[in-house]
Amino acid sequence: LHLREMLSQFSQRKLSAAELLMLLIYLVALESGFVENQSYLEKRA
């Protein structure tokens, strides 16, 4: 579900294959206990 949710943010923009792979890398990072720093500051509570 989290893959579909993330891709829905880019429904109005065409993504290159490299950028799609970058999103997949970030999803593996989320599953491994990492989070983007700005998102952490917004939702850490």
All heavy atoms as atom14 arrays in JSON, in Angstrom:
{
  "sequence": "LHLREMLSQFSQRKLSAAELLMLLIYLVALESGFVENQSYLEKRA",
  "atom14_mask": [
    [1, 1, 1, 1, 1, 1, 1, 1, 0, 0, 0, 0, 0, 0],
    [1, 1, 1, 1, 1, 1, 1, 1, 1, 1, 0, 0, 0, 0],
    [1, 1, 1, 1, 1, 1, 1, 1, 0, 0, 0, 0, 0, 0],
    [1, 1, 1, 1, 1, 1, 1, 1, 1, 1, 1, 0, 0, 0],
    [1, 1, 1, 1, 1, 1, 1, 1, 1, 0, 0, 0, 0, 0],
    [1, 1, 1, 1, 1, 1, 1, 1, 0, 0, 0, 0, 0, 0],
    [1, 1, 1, 1, 1, 1, 1, 1, 0, 0, 0, 0, 0, 0],
    [1, 1, 1, 1, 1, 1, 0, 0, 0, 0, 0, 0, 0, 0],
    [1, 1, 1, 1, 1, 1, 1, 1, 1, 0, 0, 0, 0, 0],
    [1, 1, 1, 1, 1, 1, 1, 1, 1, 1, 1, 0, 0, 0],
    [1, 1, 1, 1, 1, 1, 0, 0, 0, 0, 0, 0, 0, 0],
    [1, 1, 1, 1, 1, 1, 1, 1, 1, 0, 0, 0, 0, 0],
    [1, 1, 1, 1, 1, 1, 1, 1, 1, 1, 1, 0, 0, 0],
    [1, 1, 1, 1, 1, 1, 1, 1, 1, 0, 0, 0, 0, 0],
    [1, 1, 1, 1, 1, 1, 1, 1, 0, 0, 0, 0, 0, 0],
    [1, 1, 1, 1, 1, 1, 0, 0, 0, 0, 0, 0, 0, 0],
    [1, 1, 1, 1, 1, 0, 0, 0, 0, 0, 0, 0, 0, 0],
    [1, 1, 1, 1, 1, 0, 0, 0, 0, 0, 0, 0, 0, 0],
    [1, 1, 1, 1, 1, 1, 1, 1, 1, 0, 0, 0, 0, 0],
    [1, 1, 1, 1, 1, 1, 1, 1, 0, 0, 0, 0, 0, 0],
    [1, 1, 1, 1, 1, 1, 1, 1, 0, 0, 0, 0, 0, 0],
    [1, 1, 1, 1, 1, 1, 1, 1, 0, 0, 0, 0, 0, 0],
    [1, 1, 1, 1, 1, 1, 1, 1, 0, 0, 0, 0, 0, 0],
    [1, 1, 1, 1, 1, 1, 1, 1, 0, 0, 0, 0, 0, 0],
    [1, 1, 1, 1, 1, 1, 1, 1, 0, 0, 0, 0, 0, 0],
    [1, 1, 1, 1, 1, 1, 1, 1, 1, 1, 1, 1, 0, 0],
    [1, 1, 1, 1, 1, 1, 1, 1, 0, 0, 0, 0, 0, 0],
    [1, 1, 1, 1, 1, 1, 1, 0, 0, 0, 0, 0, 0, 0],
    [1, 1, 1, 1, 1, 0, 0, 0, 0, 0, 0, 0, 0, 0],
    [1, 1, 1, 1, 1, 1, 1, 1, 0, 0, 0, 0, 0, 0],
    [1, 1, 1, 1, 1, 1, 1, 1, 1, 0, 0, 0, 0, 0],
    [1, 1, 1, 1, 1, 1, 0, 0, 0, 0, 0, 0, 0, 0],
    [1, 1, 1, 1, 0, 0, 0, 0, 0, 0, 0, 0, 0, 0],
    [1, 1, 1, 1, 1, 1, 1, 1, 1, 1, 1, 0, 0, 0],
    [1, 1, 1, 1, 1, 1, 1, 0, 0, 0, 0, 0, 0, 0],
    [1, 1, 1, 1, 1, 1, 1, 1, 1, 0, 0, 0, 0, 0],
    [1, 1, 1, 1, 1, 1, 1, 1, 0, 0, 0, 0, 0, 0],
    [1, 1, 1, 1, 1, 1, 1, 1, 1, 0, 0, 0, 0, 0],
    [1, 1, 1, 1, 1, 1, 0, 0, 0, 0, 0, 0, 0, 0],
    [1, 1, 1, 1, 1, 1, 1, 1, 1, 1, 1, 1, 0, 0],
    [1, 1, 1, 1, 1, 1, 1, 1, 0, 0, 0, 0, 0, 0],
    [1, 1, 1, 1, 1, 1, 1, 1, 1, 0, 0, 0, 0, 0],
    [1, 1, 1, 1, 1, 1, 1, 1, 1, 0, 0, 0, 0, 0],
    [1, 1, 1, 1, 1, 1, 1, 1, 1, 1, 1, 0, 0, 0],
    [1, 1, 1, 1, 1, 0, 0, 0, 0, 0, 0, 0, 0, 0]
  ],
  "atom14_positions": [
    [[0.82, -1.21, 0.0], [0.0, 0.0, 0.0], [0.86, 1.26, 0.0], [0.53, 2.25, -0.67], [-0.93, -0.01, 1.22], [-1.81, 1.22, 1.43], [-2.76, 1.4, 0.26], [-2.58, 1.12, 2.74], [0.0, 0.0, 0.0], [0.0, 0.0, 0.0], [0.0, 0.0, 0.0], [0.0, 0.0, 0.0], [0.0, 0.0, 0.0], [0.0, 0.0, 0.0]],
    [[1.98, 1.25, 0.74], [2.8, 2.47, 0.81], [3.46, 2.79, -0.53], [3.77, 3.94, -0.8], [3.85, 2.35, 1.92], [4.65, 1.1, 1.91], [4.25, -0.05, 2.54], [5.86, 0.81, 1.37], [5.17, -0.99, 2.39], [6.14, -0.49, 1.67], [0.0, 0.0, 0.0], [0.0, 0.0, 0.0], [0.0, 0.0, 0.0], [0.0, 0.0, 0.0]],
    [[3.66, 1.79, -1.39], [4.18, 2.07, -2.72], [3.12, 2.79, -3.56], [3.42, 3.78, -4.25], [4.62, 0.77, -3.41], [5.05, 0.89, -4.87], [6.2, 1.87, -5.04], [5.43, -0.47, -5.44], [0.0, 0.0, 0.0], [0.0, 0.0, 0.0], [0.0, 0.0, 0.0], [0.0, 0.0, 0.0], [0.0, 0.0, 0.0], [0.0, 0.0, 0.0]],
    [[1.89, 2.33, -3.51], [0.81, 2.98, -4.26], [0.56, 4.39, -3.75], [0.29, 5.31, -4.54], [-0.46, 2.14, -4.18], [-0.33, 0.75, -4.76], [-1.7, 0.15, -5.05], [-2.55, 0.1, -3.88], [-2.59, -0.93, -3.04], [-1.81, -1.98, -3.23], [-3.4, -0.91, -1.99], [0.0, 0.0, 0.0], [0.0, 0.0, 0.0], [0.0, 0.0, 0.0]],
    [[0.64, 4.57, -2.43], [0.42, 5.91, -1.87], [1.49, 6.88, -2.33], [1.21, 8.03, -2.67], [0.4, 5.83, -0.34], [-0.79, 5.1, 0.25], [-2.09, 5.87, 0.08], [-2.01, 7.07, -0.24], [-3.16, 5.27, 0.26], [0.0, 0.0, 0.0], [0.0, 0.0, 0.0], [0.0, 0.0, 0.0], [0.0, 0.0, 0.0], [0.0, 0.0, 0.0]],
    [[2.73, 6.43, -2.36], [3.81, 7.32, -2.76], [3.71, 7.67, -4.25], [3.89, 8.83, -4.64], [5.16, 6.68, -2.46], [6.35, 7.55, -2.85], [7.91, 6.91, -2.27], [7.74, 7.19, -0.52], [0.0, 0.0, 0.0], [0.0, 0.0, 0.0], [0.0, 0.0, 0.0], [0.0, 0.0, 0.0], [0.0, 0.0, 0.0], [0.0, 0.0, 0.0]],
    [[3.39, 6.69, -5.07], [3.31, 6.95, -6.51], [2.12, 7.85, -6.85], [2.15, 8.55, -7.85], [3.2, 5.63, -7.27], [4.44, 4.74, -7.24], [4.18, 3.43, -7.96], [5.64, 5.45, -7.87], [0.0, 0.0, 0.0], [0.0, 0.0, 0.0], [0.0, 0.0, 0.0], [0.0, 0.0, 0.0], [0.0, 0.0, 0.0], [0.0, 0.0, 0.0]],
    [[1.07, 7.82, -6.01], [-0.1, 8.67, -6.28], [0.25, 10.16, -6.19], [-0.46, 10.99, -6.75], [-1.22, 8.33, -5.3], [-0.85, 8.65, -3.96], [0.0, 0.0, 0.0], [0.0, 0.0, 0.0], [0.0, 0.0, 0.0], [0.0, 0.0, 0.0], [0.0, 0.0, 0.0], [0.0, 0.0, 0.0], [0.0, 0.0, 0.0], [0.0, 0.0, 0.0]],
    [[1.34, 10.49, -5.49], [1.75, 11.89, -5.4], [2.27, 12.42, -6.73], [2.3, 13.63, -6.96], [2.84, 12.05, -4.34], [2.45, 11.56, -2.96], [3.63, 11.6, -2.01], [4.61, 12.32, -2.23], [3.56, 10.84, -0.93], [0.0, 0.0, 0.0], [0.0, 0.0, 0.0], [0.0, 0.0, 0.0], [0.0, 0.0, 0.0], [0.0, 0.0, 0.0]],
    [[2.66, 11.52, -7.62], [3.27, 11.92, -8.89], [2.37, 11.58, -10.07], [2.85, 11.39, -11.19], [4.63, 11.22, -9.06], [5.6, 11.5, -7.95], [5.67, 10.67, -6.84], [6.44, 12.61, -8.0], [6.57, 10.92, -5.81], [7.33, 12.87, -6.98], [7.39, 12.02, -5.88], [0.0, 0.0, 0.0], [0.0, 0.0, 0.0], [0.0, 0.0, 0.0]],
    [[1.07, 11.48, -9.82], [0.14, 11.09, -10.89], [0.05, 12.16, -11.98], [-0.27, 11.85, -13.12], [-1.25, 10.82, -10.31], [-1.73, 11.98, -9.62], [0.0, 0.0, 0.0], [0.0, 0.0, 0.0], [0.0, 0.0, 0.0], [0.0, 0.0, 0.0], [0.0, 0.0, 0.0], [0.0, 0.0, 0.0], [0.0, 0.0, 0.0], [0.0, 0.0, 0.0]],
    [[0.34, 13.41, -11.64], [0.25, 14.51, -12.61], [1.59, 14.86, -13.23], [1.68, 15.81, -13.99], [-0.33, 15.76, -11.92], [-1.67, 15.55, -11.26], [-2.75, 15.11, -12.22], [-2.78, 15.54, -13.38], [-3.62, 14.23, -11.76], [0.0, 0.0, 0.0], [0.0, 0.0, 0.0], [0.0, 0.0, 0.0], [0.0, 0.0, 0.0], [0.0, 0.0, 0.0]],
    [[2.6, 14.08, -12.92], [3.94, 14.39, -13.46], [4.58, 13.13, -14.02], [4.47, 12.04, -13.44], [4.84, 14.97, -12.35], [6.21, 15.4, -12.85], [6.86, 16.34, -11.84], [7.24, 15.67, -10.61], [8.41, 15.04, -10.44], [9.28, 14.98, -11.44], [8.71, 14.48, -9.29], [0.0, 0.0, 0.0], [0.0, 0.0, 0.0], [0.0, 0.0, 0.0]],
    [[5.23, 13.25, -15.14], [5.9, 12.12, -15.77], [7.25, 11.9, -15.1], [8.05, 12.84, -14.96], [6.09, 12.39, -17.26], [6.64, 11.19, -18.01], [6.71, 11.48, -19.51], [7.26, 10.27, -20.26], [7.35, 10.54, -21.73], [0.0, 0.0, 0.0], [0.0, 0.0, 0.0], [0.0, 0.0, 0.0], [0.0, 0.0, 0.0], [0.0, 0.0, 0.0]],
    [[7.5, 10.67, -14.69], [8.73, 10.33, -13.99], [9.64, 9.52, -14.91], [9.19, 8.63, -15.63], [8.42, 9.51, -12.74], [7.56, 10.18, -11.67], [7.25, 9.21, -10.56], [8.27, 11.4, -11.1], [0.0, 0.0, 0.0], [0.0, 0.0, 0.0], [0.0, 0.0, 0.0], [0.0, 0.0, 0.0], [0.0, 0.0, 0.0], [0.0, 0.0, 0.0]],
    [[10.92, 9.85, -14.85], [11.9, 9.07, -15.6], [12.16, 7.76, -14.89], [11.82, 7.57, -13.71], [13.19, 9.86, -15.75], [13.78, 10.1, -14.47], [0.0, 0.0, 0.0], [0.0, 0.0, 0.0], [0.0, 0.0, 0.0], [0.0, 0.0, 0.0], [0.0, 0.0, 0.0], [0.0, 0.0, 0.0], [0.0, 0.0, 0.0], [0.0, 0.0, 0.0]],
    [[12.79, 6.82, -15.58], [13.11, 5.53, -14.97], [14.07, 5.71, -13.8], [13.95, 5.02, -12.78], [13.72, 4.6, -16.02], [0.0, 0.0, 0.0], [0.0, 0.0, 0.0], [0.0, 0.0, 0.0], [0.0, 0.0, 0.0], [0.0, 0.0, 0.0], [0.0, 0.0, 0.0], [0.0, 0.0, 0.0], [0.0, 0.0, 0.0], [0.0, 0.0, 0.0]],
    [[15.01, 6.65, -13.93], [15.96, 6.89, -12.84], [15.26, 7.43, -11.6], [15.57, 7.04, -10.47], [17.05, 7.85, -13.31], [0.0, 0.0, 0.0], [0.0, 0.0, 0.0], [0.0, 0.0, 0.0], [0.0, 0.0, 0.0], [0.0, 0.0, 0.0], [0.0, 0.0, 0.0], [0.0, 0.0, 0.0], [0.0, 0.0, 0.0], [0.0, 0.0, 0.0]],
    [[14.3, 8.35, -11.8], [13.59, 8.91, -10.66], [12.68, 7.87, -10.0], [12.52, 7.85, -8.78], [12.78, 10.13, -11.08], [12.26, 10.94, -9.9], [11.72, 12.3, -10.32], [11.75, 12.6, -11.55], [11.28, 13.05, -9.45], [0.0, 0.0, 0.0], [0.0, 0.0, 0.0], [0.0, 0.0, 0.0], [0.0, 0.0, 0.0], [0.0, 0.0, 0.0]],
    [[12.09, 6.99, -10.81], [11.29, 5.9, -10.24], [12.14, 4.99, -9.38], [11.73, 4.55, -8.3], [10.62, 5.11, -11.36], [9.39, 5.74, -12.01], [8.96, 4.93, -13.21], [8.26, 5.88, -11.01], [0.0, 0.0, 0.0], [0.0, 0.0, 0.0], [0.0, 0.0, 0.0], [0.0, 0.0, 0.0], [0.0, 0.0, 0.0], [0.0, 0.0, 0.0]],
    [[13.35, 4.71, -9.85], [14.26, 3.87, -9.07], [14.66, 4.58, -7.77], [14.8, 3.94, -6.72], [15.49, 3.52, -9.9], [16.5, 2.57, -9.25], [15.84, 1.26, -8.82], [17.67, 2.29, -10.19], [0.0, 0.0, 0.0], [0.0, 0.0, 0.0], [0.0, 0.0, 0.0], [0.0, 0.0, 0.0], [0.0, 0.0, 0.0], [0.0, 0.0, 0.0]],
    [[14.81, 5.9, -7.82], [15.13, 6.65, -6.61], [14.0, 6.54, -5.59], [14.25, 6.4, -4.38], [15.37, 8.12, -6.98], [15.71, 9.0, -5.79], [17.27, 8.52, -5.01], [17.23, 9.56, -3.55], [0.0, 0.0, 0.0], [0.0, 0.0, 0.0], [0.0, 0.0, 0.0], [0.0, 0.0, 0.0], [0.0, 0.0, 0.0], [0.0, 0.0, 0.0]],
    [[12.76, 6.55, -6.04], [11.62, 6.39, -5.13], [11.6, 5.0, -4.51], [11.28, 4.83, -3.33], [10.31, 6.67, -5.87], [10.09, 8.11, -6.35], [8.8, 8.22, -7.16], [10.06, 9.07, -5.17], [0.0, 0.0, 0.0], [0.0, 0.0, 0.0], [0.0, 0.0, 0.0], [0.0, 0.0, 0.0], [0.0, 0.0, 0.0], [0.0, 0.0, 0.0]],
    [[11.94, 4.0, -5.3], [12.02, 2.64, -4.77], [13.11, 2.54, -3.71], [12.94, 1.86, -2.68], [12.28, 1.64, -5.9], [11.16, 1.44, -6.92], [11.61, 0.47, -8.01], [9.9, 0.94, -6.24], [0.0, 0.0, 0.0], [0.0, 0.0, 0.0], [0.0, 0.0, 0.0], [0.0, 0.0, 0.0], [0.0, 0.0, 0.0], [0.0, 0.0, 0.0]],
    [[14.23, 3.21, -3.93], [15.32, 3.2, -2.94], [14.85, 3.82, -1.64], [15.13, 3.31, -0.54], [16.55, 3.95, -3.5], [17.13, 3.19, -4.7], [17.61, 4.14, -2.43], [18.2, 3.96, -5.45], [0.0, 0.0, 0.0], [0.0, 0.0, 0.0], [0.0, 0.0, 0.0], [0.0, 0.0, 0.0], [0.0, 0.0, 0.0], [0.0, 0.0, 0.0]],
    [[14.1, 4.91, -1.75], [13.61, 5.55, -0.52], [12.6, 4.66, 0.21], [12.56, 4.64, 1.44], [12.98, 6.9, -0.85], [12.42, 7.61, 0.36], [13.23, 7.87, 1.47], [11.08, 8.0, 0.42], [12.72, 8.51, 2.59], [10.58, 8.64, 1.54], [11.4, 8.88, 2.62], [10.9, 9.51, 3.74], [0.0, 0.0, 0.0], [0.0, 0.0, 0.0]],
    [[11.79, 3.92, -0.52], [10.84, 3.01, 0.12], [11.58, 1.91, 0.9], [11.17, 1.54, 2.01], [9.92, 2.37, -0.92], [8.75, 3.23, -1.39], [7.96, 2.51, -2.46], [7.85, 3.57, -0.23], [0.0, 0.0, 0.0], [0.0, 0.0, 0.0], [0.0, 0.0, 0.0], [0.0, 0.0, 0.0], [0.0, 0.0, 0.0], [0.0, 0.0, 0.0]],
    [[12.66, 1.4, 0.34], [13.47, 0.41, 1.07], [14.09, 1.06, 2.3], [14.21, 0.43, 3.36], [14.55, -0.19, 0.15], [15.41, -1.2, 0.92], [13.91, -0.88, -1.05], [0.0, 0.0, 0.0], [0.0, 0.0, 0.0], [0.0, 0.0, 0.0], [0.0, 0.0, 0.0], [0.0, 0.0, 0.0], [0.0, 0.0, 0.0], [0.0, 0.0, 0.0]],
    [[14.47, 2.33, 2.18], [15.01, 3.05, 3.34], [13.95, 3.16, 4.44], [14.25, 2.98, 5.63], [15.49, 4.44, 2.92], [0.0, 0.0, 0.0], [0.0, 0.0, 0.0], [0.0, 0.0, 0.0], [0.0, 0.0, 0.0], [0.0, 0.0, 0.0], [0.0, 0.0, 0.0], [0.0, 0.0, 0.0], [0.0, 0.0, 0.0], [0.0, 0.0, 0.0]],
    [[12.7, 3.46, 4.07], [11.62, 3.53, 5.06], [11.43, 2.18, 5.75], [11.25, 2.12, 6.98], [10.31, 3.94, 4.39], [10.16, 5.4, 3.95], [8.81, 5.61, 3.27], [10.31, 6.35, 5.14], [0.0, 0.0, 0.0], [0.0, 0.0, 0.0], [0.0, 0.0, 0.0], [0.0, 0.0, 0.0], [0.0, 0.0, 0.0], [0.0, 0.0, 0.0]],
    [[11.46, 1.12, 4.99], [11.29, -0.22, 5.56], [12.49, -0.63, 6.42], [12.36, -1.54, 7.25], [11.08, -1.24, 4.44], [9.81, -1.03, 3.65], [9.66, -1.99, 2.49], [10.59, -2.79, 2.26], [8.62, -1.96, 1.81], [0.0, 0.0, 0.0], [0.0, 0.0, 0.0], [0.0, 0.0, 0.0], [0.0, 0.0, 0.0], [0.0, 0.0, 0.0]],
    [[13.62, 0.04, 6.25], [14.84, -0.3, 6.99], [15.05, 0.59, 8.21], [16.11, 0.53, 8.84], [16.05, -0.21, 6.06], [15.9, -1.05, 4.93], [0.0, 0.0, 0.0], [0.0, 0.0, 0.0], [0.0, 0.0, 0.0], [0.0, 0.0, 0.0], [0.0, 0.0, 0.0], [0.0, 0.0, 0.0], [0.0, 0.0, 0.0], [0.0, 0.0, 0.0]],
    [[14.08, 1.43, 8.55], [14.19, 2.25, 9.74], [14.77, 3.63, 9.5], [15.2, 4.29, 10.46], [0.0, 0.0, 0.0], [0.0, 0.0, 0.0], [0.0, 0.0, 0.0], [0.0, 0.0, 0.0], [0.0, 0.0, 0.0], [0.0, 0.0, 0.0], [0.0, 0.0, 0.0], [0.0, 0.0, 0.0], [0.0, 0.0, 0.0], [0.0, 0.0, 0.0]],
    [[14.78, 4.1, 8.25], [15.25, 5.45, 7.91], [14.05, 6.29, 7.45], [13.04, 5.75, 6.99], [16.31, 5.41, 6.8], [17.61, 4.78, 7.21], [17.74, 3.39, 7.23], [18.7, 5.55, 7.57], [18.94, 2.79, 7.6], [19.91, 4.96, 7.94], [20.02, 3.59, 7.96], [0.0, 0.0, 0.0], [0.0, 0.0, 0.0], [0.0, 0.0, 0.0]],
    [[14.2, 7.61, 7.53], [13.17, 8.51, 7.06], [13.83, 9.8, 6.61], [14.88, 10.19, 7.14], [12.13, 8.78, 8.19], [12.81, 9.37, 9.42], [11.04, 9.72, 7.7], [0.0, 0.0, 0.0], [0.0, 0.0, 0.0], [0.0, 0.0, 0.0], [0.0, 0.0, 0.0], [0.0, 0.0, 0.0], [0.0, 0.0, 0.0], [0.0, 0.0, 0.0]],
    [[13.22, 10.42, 5.61], [13.74, 11.71, 5.14], [13.64, 12.73, 6.26], [12.65, 12.77, 7.0], [12.92, 12.15, 3.91], [13.52, 13.33, 3.18], [13.03, 14.64, 3.74], [11.86, 14.68, 4.16], [13.82, 15.6, 3.78], [0.0, 0.0, 0.0], [0.0, 0.0, 0.0], [0.0, 0.0, 0.0], [0.0, 0.0, 0.0], [0.0, 0.0, 0.0]],
    [[14.68, 13.54, 6.44], [14.82, 14.37, 7.64], [13.68, 15.37, 7.8], [13.17, 15.55, 8.92], [16.16, 15.12, 7.58], [16.51, 15.77, 8.9], [16.75, 15.09, 9.89], [16.54, 17.1, 8.92], [0.0, 0.0, 0.0], [0.0, 0.0, 0.0], [0.0, 0.0, 0.0], [0.0, 0.0, 0.0], [0.0, 0.0, 0.0], [0.0, 0.0, 0.0]],
    [[13.23, 16.02, 6.75], [12.14, 16.99, 6.87], [10.83, 16.3, 7.24], [10.05, 16.83, 8.04], [11.98, 17.76, 5.55], [10.96, 18.89, 5.64], [10.95, 19.77, 4.41], [11.91, 19.81, 3.65], [9.85, 20.47, 4.19], [0.0, 0.0, 0.0], [0.0, 0.0, 0.0], [0.0, 0.0, 0.0], [0.0, 0.0, 0.0], [0.0, 0.0, 0.0]],
    [[10.59, 15.12, 6.69], [9.39, 14.36, 7.05], [9.44, 13.95, 8.52], [8.41, 13.93, 9.21], [9.26, 13.12, 6.17], [9.13, 13.48, 4.81], [0.0, 0.0, 0.0], [0.0, 0.0, 0.0], [0.0, 0.0, 0.0], [0.0, 0.0, 0.0], [0.0, 0.0, 0.0], [0.0, 0.0, 0.0], [0.0, 0.0, 0.0], [0.0, 0.0, 0.0]],
    [[10.64, 13.63, 9.0], [10.79, 13.28, 10.42], [10.45, 14.47, 11.31], [9.75, 14.31, 12.33], [12.22, 12.82, 10.67], [12.53, 12.6, 12.15], [12.12, 11.44, 12.8], [13.21, 13.57, 12.88], [12.37, 11.26, 14.15], [13.47, 13.39, 14.23], [13.05, 12.23, 14.85], [13.31, 12.05, 16.19], [0.0, 0.0, 0.0], [0.0, 0.0, 0.0]],
    [[10.9, 15.65, 10.96], [10.61, 16.83, 11.76], [9.12, 17.15, 11.78], [8.58, 17.63, 12.78], [11.4, 18.02, 11.23], [12.93, 17.91, 11.33], [13.6, 19.13, 10.68], [13.39, 17.76, 12.77], [0.0, 0.0, 0.0], [0.0, 0.0, 0.0], [0.0, 0.0, 0.0], [0.0, 0.0, 0.0], [0.0, 0.0, 0.0], [0.0, 0.0, 0.0]],
    [[8.43, 16.86, 10.68], [7.0, 17.16, 10.6], [6.15, 16.16, 11.39], [5.13, 16.53, 11.97], [6.56, 17.17, 9.13], [7.14, 18.3, 8.31], [6.75, 18.2, 6.84], [6.0, 17.26, 6.5], [7.2, 19.04, 6.05], [0.0, 0.0, 0.0], [0.0, 0.0, 0.0], [0.0, 0.0, 0.0], [0.0, 0.0, 0.0], [0.0, 0.0, 0.0]],
    [[6.56, 14.9, 11.42], [5.71, 13.84, 11.99], [6.34, 13.09, 13.16], [5.83, 12.04, 13.54], [5.38, 12.82, 10.89], [4.54, 13.39, 9.75], [3.16, 13.8, 10.22], [2.32, 14.32, 9.07], [0.95, 14.71, 9.51], [0.0, 0.0, 0.0], [0.0, 0.0, 0.0], [0.0, 0.0, 0.0], [0.0, 0.0, 0.0], [0.0, 0.0, 0.0]],
    [[7.4, 13.61, 13.76], [8.08, 12.84, 14.8], [7.19, 12.58, 16.02], [7.37, 11.59, 16.72], [9.35, 13.56, 15.22], [9.17, 14.95, 15.79], [10.51, 15.57, 16.14], [10.38, 16.97, 16.53], [11.42, 17.74, 16.8], [12.64, 17.24, 16.73], [11.25, 19.0, 17.14], [0.0, 0.0, 0.0], [0.0, 0.0, 0.0], [0.0, 0.0, 0.0]],
    [[6.22, 13.47, 16.26], [5.32, 13.25, 17.41], [4.39, 12.07, 17.18], [3.89, 11.48, 18.14], [4.51, 14.51, 17.68], [0.0, 0.0, 0.0], [0.0, 0.0, 0.0], [0.0, 0.0, 0.0], [0.0, 0.0, 0.0], [0.0, 0.0, 0.0], [0.0, 0.0, 0.0], [0.0, 0.0, 0.0], [0.0, 0.0, 0.0], [0.0, 0.0, 0.0]]
  ]
}
